[in-house]
Every structure is written in structure tokens, then in C-alpha cells.
Amino acid sequence: MFDLGTSFLASVERDPGTVAIVDGEIRLSYAEWYAHVSAMAERLQGLGLKAGDHVVAALQNRWEAATLHWACQFLGVIITPYNWRASAEELGFVLENAEARLCICEAQTRAVAEGHGVALVDLDAGDFCAGSETAPDVLPQVGSDAWSLMLYTSGTTGNPKGVPRRQGVERAAALAHVAQNTYRAGERTLGVMPLYHTMGVRSLLASSLVGGTFVCQRRFDAGQALALIARERLTNLYLVPTLYHDLLHHPEFASTDISSVDFLGFAGASMTDGLLKALFDAFEPKLFVNHYGSSEVYTFTIDQNAPAKPGSAGRAGLNQRIRVVTLNAGDPEQVASVGEEGEIIASLSGDEAFEGYWKRPDADEKALKGGWYFTGDSGYFDAEGDLFVTGRVDDMIITGGENVSPVEIESCLSLHPCVGEVAVVGLADERWGQAVTAFIVAKQDITGDALDAHCKSSALANFKRPRRYVFLEELPKSPVGKLLRRKLVAGDYSEI
């Protein structure tokens, strides 16, 4: 099996003159980019970095961050990217926990990266990545079993957990991504999902495998993204639902030429029926993929025709086996019945699976059981064998003794023309235990009574109807667009 350095070399040899990466006015062919990767590798070695060392990167999606990623693969240095919006305390934890030898930052992140006792390189303060690239060509120094990177899971409580992944596992995930999204040679990808997130890393690796062009967007801006789609003739988008929502509702969307986009893919969260339909109507894609996975095991399931069966996450990916076990079972053999909601688990024998968390035996004990990864997600298989993800096990609403999934209610409400975004949680209630509560970002004036009438006229069961509607200017979200339900439960919001 190729290591990732050899994989990149193969792309350089196959498509040396093809544009590999774009960042503003910077446009590098594969051959030119390889020269920069070699120079970056030489500089890392000059700082004493060797295989197995961790380099923490607090960078936006700039071309140097992608270059650093590849240089680390050649050397066997473990790239450990982290959220560039993190606080000094959060970044300090990662630097200490990963036993980092070096932190690479930029002007925006320098203040939070300083003072942790770790060697620091600021890409905006010197010539670490600039100037003539005259270093000798770097050659792969490790095999496919070497560690590639370590991502940190965001988590909902406590410190994040490190997820180390090997080069062979990373490449297998990228190959499956290419196959399951039917990427062609020369795909042009919007590189906006952060490189500290599994979706961003996968876009980067998959692009190289097909001789594609990775178009950097340093941070998401819907107007700028639309301009890049038109200018760079992007052919595929792989985003979280929130970013699709922002693209679709931007004032420039209707006048932007999006005809080059053939493939849409989403992951990171469920997509409401309303947004799914609106995107399909607007883009008319050849393929619209719902990808369900995680940092730990890149692919769980794939649905290559998401609009045909809204809410379905499809079936196990090429490298995976999936089960649903009864809630709180802790036993991979205690399989739930068809239609029964339980916890989704994934085989650890798959080519894309991690081997355990970094220095967290407690987390391993909780999540790794009998050769299976217990995801913490809830869901069920329908009679046709398709998986439906209903949320997190901890997000399940228990109201009047009934289990209620927020996702089903959100999908129902999203179909109302006045609803822009919606999130449903269970709030403590003396009578019901938890009261189903809908938080609404409205596109037009609408009342709770009107939304209740909409739910009554739908197929939504009566006991699942929200008992309260709260109207907000915006929903609380993480930097990559994931809904933060815990803030709604905690009352951390301001009503309109």
C-alpha cells in the first residue's frame, strides 16, 4: 500500500503541469507545489523534527497549511491541526496533550499560540514558506503504517480527544471518498472545510488522487464562495448543511453561474427536507451524496441519491460494516429490530477506522467494545435496509415517557416556507419530564400557532409536536457549522 508521500509523488508524476492548488493569486501546478512541499520538509527537518513528532498547526485554509500537511506525510511527522479560533487555554491543552515539538501559527493566531513553552513559527512573520524553492526533492521516509495526523474531536463536555490515524487509513478513506462521490480526473474542489476537520482533510487528499485542483477559501464567506464557484468553475462541493444554507440564501446566489457544479456532498449534520429539496432544485446535481461518518471512522454510511429518500443516510460505505444495537446495550451482538431506534456502531476492522484515542483509556473503554466503535449516535434501519440517523443518544427527548427524535420534527418544520432554520430540543418540564421545544430562525413573520397548525396537518405524531416555539436571530453553532444544542438546553440564547 502507498504511503501518502508516495501517493503525492504519483500525482506529481502523472499530472505535473496541472494546477494543483489555488489561493487568491497563487496558482501552483503539481510540479511547482512539490517544490514547495520539499522546501517545507527541509525546513521542518532543520528545526529538528523527525518521524513521530507532533506539529500543531493553528492555521486557516491557506496554501501553506495544505503544503505543511503534505510535507509532514513525507517525513512521518504527525500533523496535528487545531481550530484557529481556539482560545489560548484550548490551544495550550492541545500543545501539552499532543506533546508538540512545534506550533505553526499565523498573525491571527500568534497571540494564543505564544507562552506555552513550545517552539513557534509564525508564517506571516518570516520566510518560512516564502521565496525560491530550491530544496532537494523530498522522498517518502516512512511507510503506510506510519502515523499521518491527529485530529481533535470537539466534544460537548470536557477537553477534546485526540484521534491519531495512520497514513494507510487516511489514503483508504480518500480512495473511498473518490469512489463514493464518483470523482473524475481533474475535479475542482472548494477547499473551505477546515483542515483541522476530517471533511477538509478528505477534500485535500481526494483532490490529489484525481489530479484535481484544491481551491482554498481561508474562512467561509458565502459571497466569496459563490465568486470562487463561478471564477474557478468548481465542479464539486463538500460542505456541512449550514454552509449550503448560507450559499442558497445569499443575495448573489440567483445571479451566480453555478452551472459547473456537478456533485454535491454533505456531512457533519443531518440536512432538513426543506434544504435538501431547495438545493436539488437550484443546482440540479448529477450526484447528491449524504455522507455519514466521523473523525474516528471516516465513513459509516453513504447515500448517493439523498433527495430520493430524505433523511436516509444510506448504507455502509465501501470499507465498513454498520449495526444498530439496543440503547444502552454496550454489546455489539444485541442488535435492534428493524425500525427500532438504538445506538449506531461501526466495525473497527474497516480500512478507515482508528485504533483508539490518544492517551484516553477511559474513552477507549466507553467507545470500543468487541471490535466495534460505539458512535454515541442514535438511529434505526428501515425495512429496505437504509439507515436513518436520529441524533445523539444524549439528544433524545423523553417526553411523557415517549422517545422523540429532534431530527424528525426539524425536518417537518423546515418544510414551512417561513422557516429558515430550526433546532428542536427537550427542555425540563414538571409535567412532561422534557417538553419538546422548537427554536426557529424565520425567513418571514410567522407565529407559533401557525407552525403548530403546520405540524398538525403533517404526518408528525401528536405527541411529537413542539409545546413551545422560540424565535431567534440565529442558532448557536460551532466553527464548522454544527448546531450546539447544549446551548439551547442551557438557555444560552436571546429571544427576538
Protein backbone atom coordinates (compact mmCIF):
# COMPACT_ATOMS: atom_id res chain seq x y z
CA MET A 1 0.00 0.00 0.00
CA PHE A 2 1.22 3.50 -0.85
CA ASP A 3 2.16 5.80 1.97
CA LEU A 4 0.82 9.32 1.48
CA GLY A 5 4.16 10.77 0.36
CA THR A 6 4.41 8.21 -2.42
CA SER A 7 0.76 8.86 -3.27
CA PHE A 8 1.51 12.57 -3.72
CA LEU A 9 4.60 11.76 -5.81
CA ALA A 10 2.45 9.61 -8.09
CA SER A 11 0.15 12.58 -8.66
CA VAL A 12 3.10 14.84 -9.45
CA GLU A 13 4.43 12.32 -11.97
CA ARG A 14 1.02 11.80 -13.55
CA ASP A 15 -0.08 15.45 -13.79
CA PRO A 16 3.00 17.69 -13.34
CA GLY A 17 1.58 20.67 -15.23
CA THR A 18 -1.98 20.54 -13.87
CA VAL A 19 -2.97 23.29 -11.45
CA ALA A 20 -2.99 21.61 -8.04
CA ILE A 21 -3.78 24.41 -5.61
CA VAL A 22 -5.20 27.93 -5.80
CA ASP A 23 -5.17 30.54 -3.05
CA GLY A 24 -6.08 34.01 -4.25
CA GLU A 25 -3.46 34.97 -6.83
CA ILE A 26 -1.31 31.93 -6.04
CA ARG A 27 -1.70 29.12 -8.58
CA LEU A 28 0.68 26.17 -8.37
CA SER A 29 0.98 23.16 -10.63
CA TYR A 30 1.65 19.77 -9.09
CA ALA A 31 5.34 20.08 -10.01
CA GLU A 32 5.57 23.58 -8.53
CA TRP A 33 3.70 22.56 -5.41
CA TYR A 34 6.04 19.58 -4.93
CA ALA A 35 8.95 22.03 -4.84
CA HIS A 36 7.24 23.96 -2.05
CA VAL A 37 6.43 20.74 -0.18
CA SER A 38 10.10 19.74 -0.43
CA ALA A 39 11.19 23.14 0.90
CA MET A 40 8.73 22.89 3.77
CA ALA A 41 10.04 19.42 4.62
CA GLU A 42 13.62 20.70 4.61
CA ARG A 43 12.68 23.49 7.00
CA LEU A 44 10.92 21.13 9.36
CA GLN A 45 13.98 18.90 9.41
CA GLY A 46 16.14 21.95 10.01
CA LEU A 47 14.14 22.59 13.16
CA GLY A 48 14.91 19.07 14.36
CA LEU A 49 11.57 17.45 13.54
CA LYS A 50 11.59 13.72 12.92
CA ALA A 51 9.12 10.91 12.29
CA GLY A 52 6.64 10.51 15.14
CA ASP A 53 6.91 14.11 16.35
CA HIS A 54 3.75 16.21 16.57
CA VAL A 55 3.47 19.57 14.82
CA VAL A 56 0.40 21.54 15.90
CA ALA A 57 -0.97 23.91 13.27
CA ALA A 58 -3.33 26.78 14.12
CA LEU A 59 -3.95 27.95 10.55
CA GLN A 60 -6.78 28.93 8.27
CA ASN A 61 -7.21 27.13 4.93
CA ARG A 62 -4.25 28.79 3.23
CA TRP A 63 -1.99 27.12 0.70
CA GLU A 64 0.82 26.90 3.24
CA ALA A 65 -1.39 24.83 5.56
CA ALA A 66 -2.02 22.33 2.76
CA THR A 67 1.71 22.35 1.95
CA LEU A 68 2.54 21.64 5.59
CA HIS A 69 0.12 18.72 5.59
CA TRP A 70 1.92 17.06 2.67
CA ALA A 71 5.41 17.81 3.96
CA CYS A 72 4.54 16.05 7.21
CA GLN A 73 3.38 12.97 5.30
CA PHE A 74 6.74 12.65 3.55
CA LEU A 75 8.64 12.93 6.84
CA GLY A 76 6.30 10.91 9.03
CA VAL A 77 5.77 13.95 11.25
CA ILE A 78 2.27 13.84 12.76
CA ILE A 79 0.36 16.91 11.61
CA THR A 80 -1.94 17.94 14.44
CA PRO A 81 -4.19 20.75 13.17
CA TYR A 82 -6.41 22.63 15.57
CA ASN A 83 -9.12 25.24 15.36
CA TRP A 84 -7.57 28.62 14.54
CA ARG A 85 -10.39 30.29 16.53
CA ALA A 86 -9.39 28.47 19.73
CA SER A 87 -8.61 30.29 22.96
CA ALA A 88 -5.12 30.28 24.47
CA GLU A 89 -6.32 27.80 27.10
CA GLU A 90 -7.76 25.43 24.48
CA LEU A 91 -4.69 25.55 22.25
CA GLY A 92 -2.45 25.20 25.28
CA PHE A 93 -4.22 21.98 26.23
CA VAL A 94 -3.64 20.53 22.74
CA LEU A 95 0.01 21.54 22.68
CA GLU A 96 0.60 19.84 26.02
CA ASN A 97 -1.61 16.82 25.37
CA ALA A 98 -0.04 16.09 21.96
CA GLU A 99 3.48 16.63 23.35
CA ALA A 100 4.02 19.01 20.46
CA ARG A 101 7.56 19.80 19.30
CA LEU A 102 6.46 22.79 17.22
CA CYS A 103 3.45 25.05 16.77
CA ILE A 104 2.91 26.74 13.41
CA CYS A 105 0.62 29.75 13.52
CA GLU A 106 -0.22 32.90 11.56
CA ALA A 107 -0.67 36.53 12.53
CA GLN A 108 -4.26 35.96 13.66
CA THR A 109 -3.37 33.06 15.96
CA ARG A 110 0.03 34.12 17.27
CA ALA A 111 -1.31 35.71 20.44
CA VAL A 112 -2.99 32.49 21.59
CA ALA A 113 -0.06 30.31 20.45
CA GLU A 114 2.63 32.14 22.45
CA GLY A 115 3.63 31.41 26.01
CA HIS A 116 3.11 27.65 26.09
CA GLY A 117 6.77 26.62 26.11
CA VAL A 118 6.61 25.17 22.59
CA ALA A 119 8.76 26.36 19.68
CA LEU A 120 6.72 28.68 17.48
CA VAL A 121 6.78 29.55 13.77
CA ASP A 122 4.58 32.40 12.50
CA LEU A 123 4.02 32.04 8.75
CA ASP A 124 3.23 35.75 8.46
CA ALA A 125 6.34 36.95 10.29
CA GLY A 126 9.19 35.44 8.28
CA ASP A 127 10.24 33.49 5.22
CA PHE A 128 9.39 30.00 6.49
CA CYS A 129 7.26 29.35 3.42
CA ALA A 130 8.26 32.11 1.03
CA GLY A 131 10.91 32.71 -1.58
CA SER A 132 12.59 30.47 -4.15
CA GLU A 133 12.04 26.77 -3.59
CA THR A 134 15.47 25.21 -4.21
CA ALA A 135 15.42 22.36 -1.71
CA PRO A 136 16.20 18.87 -3.00
CA ASP A 137 13.13 16.81 -3.83
CA VAL A 138 11.81 15.23 -0.65
CA LEU A 139 11.28 11.47 -0.78
CA PRO A 140 9.00 9.41 1.47
CA GLN A 141 10.76 8.48 4.70
CA VAL A 142 8.05 6.28 6.25
CA GLY A 143 5.61 3.56 5.21
CA SER A 144 1.84 3.40 5.13
CA ASP A 145 1.73 2.20 8.75
CA ALA A 146 3.25 5.47 10.00
CA TRP A 147 1.02 7.95 11.78
CA SER A 148 -0.37 10.61 9.46
CA LEU A 149 -2.25 13.09 11.60
CA MET A 150 -4.12 13.55 14.83
CA LEU A 151 -7.46 15.32 14.80
CA TYR A 152 -9.14 16.50 17.97
CA THR A 153 -12.84 15.82 18.43
CA SER A 154 -14.80 18.87 19.50
CA GLY A 155 -16.80 17.06 22.18
CA THR A 156 -19.67 18.58 24.12
CA THR A 157 -18.11 18.49 27.57
CA GLY A 158 -14.58 18.42 28.91
CA ASN A 159 -11.38 18.54 26.89
CA PRO A 160 -11.27 17.31 23.29
CA LYS A 161 -9.94 13.83 22.50
CA GLY A 162 -7.05 13.20 20.12
CA VAL A 163 -7.77 10.82 17.24
CA PRO A 164 -4.50 9.54 15.71
CA ARG A 165 -4.79 7.99 12.25
CA ARG A 166 -2.24 6.13 10.12
CA GLN A 167 -1.26 7.03 6.56
CA GLY A 168 -2.76 3.86 5.06
CA VAL A 169 -6.05 4.52 6.83
CA GLU A 170 -6.10 8.09 5.59
CA ARG A 171 -5.41 7.05 2.00
CA ALA A 172 -8.06 4.31 2.13
CA ALA A 173 -10.60 6.88 3.29
CA ALA A 174 -9.62 9.25 0.48
CA LEU A 175 -9.89 6.48 -2.14
CA ALA A 176 -13.33 5.53 -0.86
CA HIS A 177 -14.31 9.21 -0.94
CA VAL A 178 -13.30 9.39 -4.61
CA ALA A 179 -15.23 6.24 -5.48
CA GLN A 180 -18.36 7.01 -3.48
CA ASN A 181 -18.59 10.54 -4.88
CA THR A 182 -17.70 9.35 -8.42
CA TYR A 183 -14.98 11.98 -8.75
CA ARG A 184 -13.41 12.28 -12.18
CA ALA A 185 -9.90 13.28 -13.19
CA GLY A 186 -9.39 17.00 -12.77
CA GLU A 187 -12.19 17.72 -10.29
CA ARG A 188 -12.14 21.27 -8.95
CA THR A 189 -12.96 21.39 -5.25
CA LEU A 190 -13.80 24.25 -2.90
CA GLY A 191 -11.29 23.85 -0.06
CA VAL A 192 -13.20 25.62 2.68
CA MET A 193 -13.94 22.88 5.22
CA PRO A 194 -11.18 23.40 7.80
CA LEU A 195 -8.04 21.30 7.57
CA TYR A 196 -8.46 20.56 11.27
CA HIS A 197 -11.72 18.78 10.34
CA THR A 198 -12.00 15.34 8.75
CA MET A 199 -14.05 16.72 5.84
CA GLY A 200 -11.37 19.27 4.98
CA VAL A 201 -8.59 16.69 5.11
CA ARG A 202 -10.58 14.32 2.92
CA SER A 203 -11.17 17.00 0.30
CA LEU A 204 -7.44 17.73 0.21
CA LEU A 205 -6.35 14.10 -0.17
CA ALA A 206 -9.09 13.14 -2.62
CA SER A 207 -8.25 16.11 -4.82
CA SER A 208 -4.65 14.93 -5.17
CA LEU A 209 -5.68 11.37 -6.03
CA VAL A 210 -7.59 12.51 -9.14
CA GLY A 211 -5.16 15.23 -10.25
CA GLY A 212 -7.69 17.80 -9.13
CA THR A 213 -7.48 21.45 -8.13
CA PHE A 214 -7.93 22.41 -4.48
CA VAL A 215 -9.22 25.99 -4.32
CA CYS A 216 -8.52 27.42 -0.87
CA GLN A 217 -11.02 29.59 0.93
CA ARG A 218 -9.34 30.64 4.14
CA ARG A 219 -12.59 31.03 6.05
CA PHE A 220 -16.13 30.64 4.85
CA ASP A 221 -17.90 33.62 3.37
CA ALA A 222 -20.94 32.81 1.24
CA GLY A 223 -20.44 35.69 -1.19
CA GLN A 224 -16.77 34.87 -1.71
CA ALA A 225 -17.58 31.16 -2.09
CA LEU A 226 -20.09 31.96 -4.84
CA ALA A 227 -17.48 34.10 -6.60
CA LEU A 228 -14.99 31.21 -6.43
CA ILE A 229 -17.54 28.76 -7.83
CA ALA A 230 -18.05 30.99 -10.85
CA ARG A 231 -14.45 32.12 -11.38
CA GLU A 232 -12.73 28.78 -10.82
CA ARG A 233 -15.51 26.71 -12.44
CA LEU A 234 -15.70 24.46 -9.39
CA THR A 235 -17.16 21.04 -10.07
CA ASN A 236 -17.92 19.69 -6.60
CA LEU A 237 -18.88 20.97 -3.18
CA TYR A 238 -18.48 19.03 0.06
CA LEU A 239 -19.90 21.09 2.92
CA VAL A 240 -21.89 20.95 6.13
CA PRO A 241 -25.61 21.82 5.74
CA THR A 242 -25.22 25.23 7.39
CA LEU A 243 -22.83 26.43 4.68
CA TYR A 244 -25.18 25.23 1.94
CA HIS A 245 -27.96 27.14 3.65
CA ASP A 246 -25.87 30.31 3.64
CA LEU A 247 -24.94 29.90 -0.04
CA LEU A 248 -28.54 29.37 -1.07
CA HIS A 249 -29.81 32.38 0.86
CA HIS A 250 -27.08 34.82 -0.19
CA PRO A 251 -28.35 37.77 -2.26
CA GLU A 252 -25.87 36.94 -5.05
CA PHE A 253 -26.91 33.30 -5.41
CA ALA A 254 -29.55 33.86 -8.09
CA SER A 255 -27.12 35.80 -10.31
CA THR A 256 -24.13 33.47 -9.86
CA ASP A 257 -23.17 30.98 -12.55
CA ILE A 258 -23.21 27.65 -10.71
CA SER A 259 -23.53 25.51 -13.84
CA SER A 260 -20.06 23.96 -13.41
CA VAL A 261 -21.07 22.23 -10.14
CA ASP A 262 -21.98 18.60 -10.89
CA PHE A 263 -21.59 16.96 -7.49
CA LEU A 264 -22.91 17.96 -4.08
CA GLY A 265 -21.94 16.19 -0.88
CA PHE A 266 -22.77 16.97 2.72
CA ALA A 267 -21.75 15.60 6.10
CA GLY A 268 -21.29 16.73 9.68
CA ALA A 269 -25.00 17.02 10.43
CA SER A 270 -28.37 15.97 9.10
CA MET A 271 -29.96 18.09 6.37
CA THR A 272 -33.59 19.09 6.65
CA ASP A 273 -36.02 18.04 3.94
CA GLY A 274 -36.62 21.68 3.01
CA LEU A 275 -32.96 22.48 2.43
CA LEU A 276 -32.38 19.21 0.59
CA LYS A 277 -35.16 19.97 -1.89
CA ALA A 278 -34.12 23.59 -2.36
CA LEU A 279 -30.51 22.63 -3.14
CA PHE A 280 -31.55 19.90 -5.56
CA ASP A 281 -33.82 22.31 -7.41
CA ALA A 282 -31.16 25.05 -7.52
CA PHE A 283 -28.08 23.01 -8.55
CA GLU A 284 -29.68 20.06 -10.37
CA PRO A 285 -26.60 17.96 -9.47
CA LYS A 286 -25.64 14.71 -11.15
CA LEU A 287 -24.98 13.25 -7.71
CA PHE A 288 -26.13 14.43 -4.29
CA VAL A 289 -24.38 12.47 -1.54
CA ASN A 290 -25.22 12.26 2.14
CA HIS A 291 -22.01 11.12 3.83
CA TYR A 292 -22.29 9.98 7.43
CA GLY A 293 -19.06 9.44 9.34
CA SER A 294 -16.71 10.78 12.00
CA SER A 295 -13.10 11.68 12.75
CA GLU A 296 -12.62 8.24 14.28
CA VAL A 297 -14.01 6.21 11.37
CA TYR A 298 -14.24 8.41 8.31
CA THR A 299 -17.17 6.67 6.56
CA PHE A 300 -20.06 4.97 8.28
CA THR A 301 -22.68 5.10 5.53
CA ILE A 302 -23.30 6.69 2.13
CA ASP A 303 -26.47 7.66 0.30
CA GLN A 304 -25.63 8.67 -3.27
CA ASN A 305 -29.14 9.94 -4.01
CA ALA A 306 -30.03 11.88 -0.89
CA PRO A 307 -33.10 13.69 -2.33
CA ALA A 308 -34.79 10.39 -3.28
CA LYS A 309 -35.19 9.39 0.37
CA PRO A 310 -34.93 12.47 2.61
CA GLY A 311 -33.41 11.71 5.98
CA SER A 312 -31.75 8.50 4.88
CA ALA A 313 -28.03 8.11 5.49
CA GLY A 314 -27.99 5.14 3.14
CA ARG A 315 -25.96 2.00 3.64
CA ALA A 316 -22.49 1.05 4.86
CA GLY A 317 -19.60 2.56 2.93
CA LEU A 318 -17.11 0.55 0.88
CA ASN A 319 -14.82 -0.04 3.84
CA GLN A 320 -17.39 -0.51 6.58
CA ARG A 321 -19.99 -2.64 8.38
CA ILE A 322 -22.72 -0.91 10.41
CA ARG A 323 -25.15 -2.11 13.07
CA VAL A 324 -27.80 -0.59 15.30
CA VAL A 325 -27.86 -2.05 18.80
CA THR A 326 -30.43 -1.53 21.53
CA LEU A 327 -29.97 1.66 23.53
CA ASN A 328 -27.55 1.35 26.46
CA ALA A 329 -26.76 -2.24 25.50
CA GLY A 330 -22.98 -1.93 25.29
CA ASP A 331 -22.99 -5.23 23.42
CA PRO A 332 -22.34 -5.31 19.65
CA GLU A 333 -24.33 -8.55 19.37
CA GLN A 334 -27.50 -7.09 20.88
CA VAL A 335 -28.86 -5.92 17.52
CA ALA A 336 -32.00 -3.78 17.41
CA SER A 337 -35.02 -4.82 15.34
CA VAL A 338 -35.89 -3.18 12.04
CA GLY A 339 -37.42 0.20 12.81
CA GLU A 340 -36.22 0.13 16.43
CA GLU A 341 -34.21 3.14 17.50
CA GLY A 342 -30.87 2.31 19.05
CA GLU A 343 -27.18 3.22 19.05
CA ILE A 344 -25.25 3.09 15.78
CA ILE A 345 -21.98 1.16 15.89
CA ALA A 346 -19.26 0.70 13.27
CA SER A 347 -16.74 -2.10 12.75
CA LEU A 348 -13.18 -1.32 13.79
CA SER A 349 -11.85 -3.83 11.26
CA GLY A 350 -12.67 -1.48 8.37
CA ASP A 351 -9.87 0.16 6.37
CA GLU A 352 -10.83 3.66 7.54
CA ALA A 353 -11.04 3.02 11.28
CA PHE A 354 -8.84 4.47 14.00
CA GLU A 355 -7.28 2.30 16.70
CA GLY A 356 -8.12 4.25 19.82
CA TYR A 357 -7.88 7.70 21.37
CA TRP A 358 -4.64 9.43 22.29
CA LYS A 359 -3.84 8.78 25.94
CA ARG A 360 -7.53 8.28 26.86
CA PRO A 361 -8.09 4.69 28.06
CA ASP A 362 -11.33 5.85 29.67
CA ALA A 363 -12.67 6.97 26.29
CA ASP A 364 -11.49 3.74 24.67
CA GLU A 365 -13.30 1.70 27.31
CA LYS A 366 -16.52 3.60 26.66
CA ALA A 367 -16.44 3.60 22.85
CA LEU A 368 -14.50 0.49 21.75
CA LYS A 369 -16.24 -2.78 22.53
CA GLY A 370 -15.86 -6.19 20.94
CA GLY A 371 -14.21 -4.85 17.80
CA TRP A 372 -16.87 -2.19 17.26
CA TYR A 373 -16.93 1.60 17.70
CA PHE A 374 -19.94 2.85 19.62
CA THR A 375 -20.66 6.18 17.95
CA GLY A 376 -23.00 7.73 20.50
CA ASP A 377 -25.40 8.43 17.62
CA SER A 378 -28.94 7.14 17.62
CA GLY A 379 -30.75 5.75 14.61
CA TYR A 380 -32.57 2.84 13.03
CA PHE A 381 -32.69 0.73 9.89
CA ASP A 382 -35.88 0.85 7.84
CA ALA A 383 -37.44 -2.16 6.13
CA GLU A 384 -35.37 -1.55 2.99
CA GLY A 385 -32.09 -1.65 4.90
CA ASP A 386 -31.34 2.10 4.86
CA LEU A 387 -30.01 3.81 7.98
CA PHE A 388 -31.72 6.84 9.47
CA VAL A 389 -29.68 8.90 11.96
CA THR A 390 -31.95 10.49 14.53
CA GLY A 391 -29.37 12.42 16.56
CA ARG A 392 -27.12 11.81 19.51
CA VAL A 393 -28.16 9.30 22.12
CA ASP A 394 -27.85 12.13 24.64
CA ASP A 395 -30.07 14.39 22.47
CA MET A 396 -33.05 12.03 22.56
CA ILE A 397 -36.08 13.77 24.04
CA ILE A 398 -38.11 11.74 26.51
CA THR A 399 -41.49 13.43 26.87
CA GLY A 400 -44.35 11.80 28.73
CA GLY A 401 -42.44 8.51 28.64
CA GLU A 402 -42.07 8.56 24.83
CA ASN A 403 -38.75 8.75 22.97
CA VAL A 404 -38.78 11.59 20.44
CA SER A 405 -36.09 12.34 17.86
CA PRO A 406 -35.37 16.05 17.25
CA VAL A 407 -34.43 15.40 13.61
CA GLU A 408 -37.90 14.23 12.56
CA ILE A 409 -39.53 17.35 14.00
CA GLU A 410 -36.90 19.63 12.48
CA SER A 411 -37.47 18.13 9.04
CA CYS A 412 -41.21 18.68 9.36
CA LEU A 413 -40.86 22.33 10.40
CA SER A 414 -38.21 23.02 7.74
CA LEU A 415 -40.83 22.44 5.04
CA HIS A 416 -42.79 25.52 6.13
CA PRO A 417 -41.94 28.36 3.72
CA CYS A 418 -41.43 30.87 6.53
CA VAL A 419 -38.83 28.76 8.38
CA GLY A 420 -35.18 29.46 7.62
CA GLU A 421 -33.51 27.28 10.25
CA VAL A 422 -34.84 25.17 13.08
CA ALA A 423 -33.50 23.24 16.05
CA VAL A 424 -35.52 21.11 18.45
CA VAL A 425 -34.51 20.16 21.99
CA GLY A 426 -36.17 18.88 25.14
CA LEU A 427 -36.37 21.38 27.99
CA ALA A 428 -37.04 20.38 31.59
CA ASP A 429 -40.75 20.32 32.35
CA GLU A 430 -42.51 19.37 35.59
CA ARG A 431 -45.35 17.53 33.87
CA TRP A 432 -43.74 16.02 30.78
CA GLY A 433 -40.20 15.46 32.05
CA GLN A 434 -38.98 17.17 28.89
CA ALA A 435 -41.06 19.50 26.75
CA VAL A 436 -40.42 19.43 23.02
CA THR A 437 -39.26 22.95 22.18
CA ALA A 438 -38.57 24.33 18.69
CA PHE A 439 -36.11 27.18 18.13
CA ILE A 440 -36.86 28.98 14.88
CA VAL A 441 -34.92 31.39 12.68
CA ALA A 442 -37.70 32.74 10.47
CA LYS A 443 -37.42 33.97 6.88
CA GLN A 444 -40.73 35.80 7.21
CA ASP A 445 -43.01 36.72 10.08
CA ILE A 446 -44.64 33.60 11.49
CA THR A 447 -46.28 32.66 14.77
CA GLY A 448 -46.03 29.58 16.92
CA ASP A 449 -49.72 28.91 16.36
CA ALA A 450 -49.19 28.84 12.59
CA LEU A 451 -46.29 26.43 12.96
CA ASP A 452 -48.35 24.24 15.27
CA ALA A 453 -51.08 24.12 12.63
CA HIS A 454 -48.44 23.09 10.09
CA CYS A 455 -47.35 20.21 12.34
CA LYS A 456 -50.96 19.13 12.88
CA SER A 457 -51.53 18.95 9.13
CA SER A 458 -48.39 16.84 8.62
CA ALA A 459 -47.72 13.18 9.35
CA LEU A 460 -46.00 14.12 12.63
CA ALA A 461 -47.45 12.23 15.58
CA ASN A 462 -49.35 14.42 18.03
CA PHE A 463 -47.05 13.70 20.99
CA LYS A 464 -44.05 14.88 18.94
CA ARG A 465 -45.46 18.35 18.25
CA PRO A 466 -43.49 21.15 19.92
CA ARG A 467 -45.14 22.54 23.03
CA ARG A 468 -43.25 25.80 22.71
CA TYR A 469 -41.73 27.88 19.90
CA VAL A 470 -38.82 30.23 20.50
CA PHE A 471 -37.76 32.71 17.78
CA LEU A 472 -34.06 33.61 17.45
CA GLU A 473 -31.93 35.78 15.19
CA GLU A 474 -29.51 32.84 14.75
CA LEU A 475 -28.86 29.36 16.10
CA PRO A 476 -25.74 28.66 18.17
CA LYS A 477 -23.17 26.77 16.07
CA SER A 478 -19.60 25.53 16.21
CA PRO A 479 -16.91 27.00 13.89
CA VAL A 480 -17.63 24.29 11.30
CA GLY A 481 -21.36 24.91 11.37
CA LYS A 482 -22.55 22.17 13.72
CA LEU A 483 -25.60 23.00 15.80
CA LEU A 484 -24.81 23.39 19.51
CA ARG A 485 -27.95 22.01 21.11
CA ARG A 486 -26.38 22.16 24.55
CA LYS A 487 -26.51 25.98 24.45
CA LEU A 488 -30.23 25.89 23.77
CA VAL A 489 -30.78 23.45 26.63
CA ALA A 490 -28.69 25.64 28.93
CA GLY A 491 -30.67 28.77 27.97
CA ASP A 492 -27.63 30.35 26.34
CA TYR A 493 -29.56 32.38 23.74
CA SER A 494 -31.52 35.61 23.30
CA GLU A 495 -35.07 35.57 22.02
CA ILE A 496 -36.19 38.09 19.42
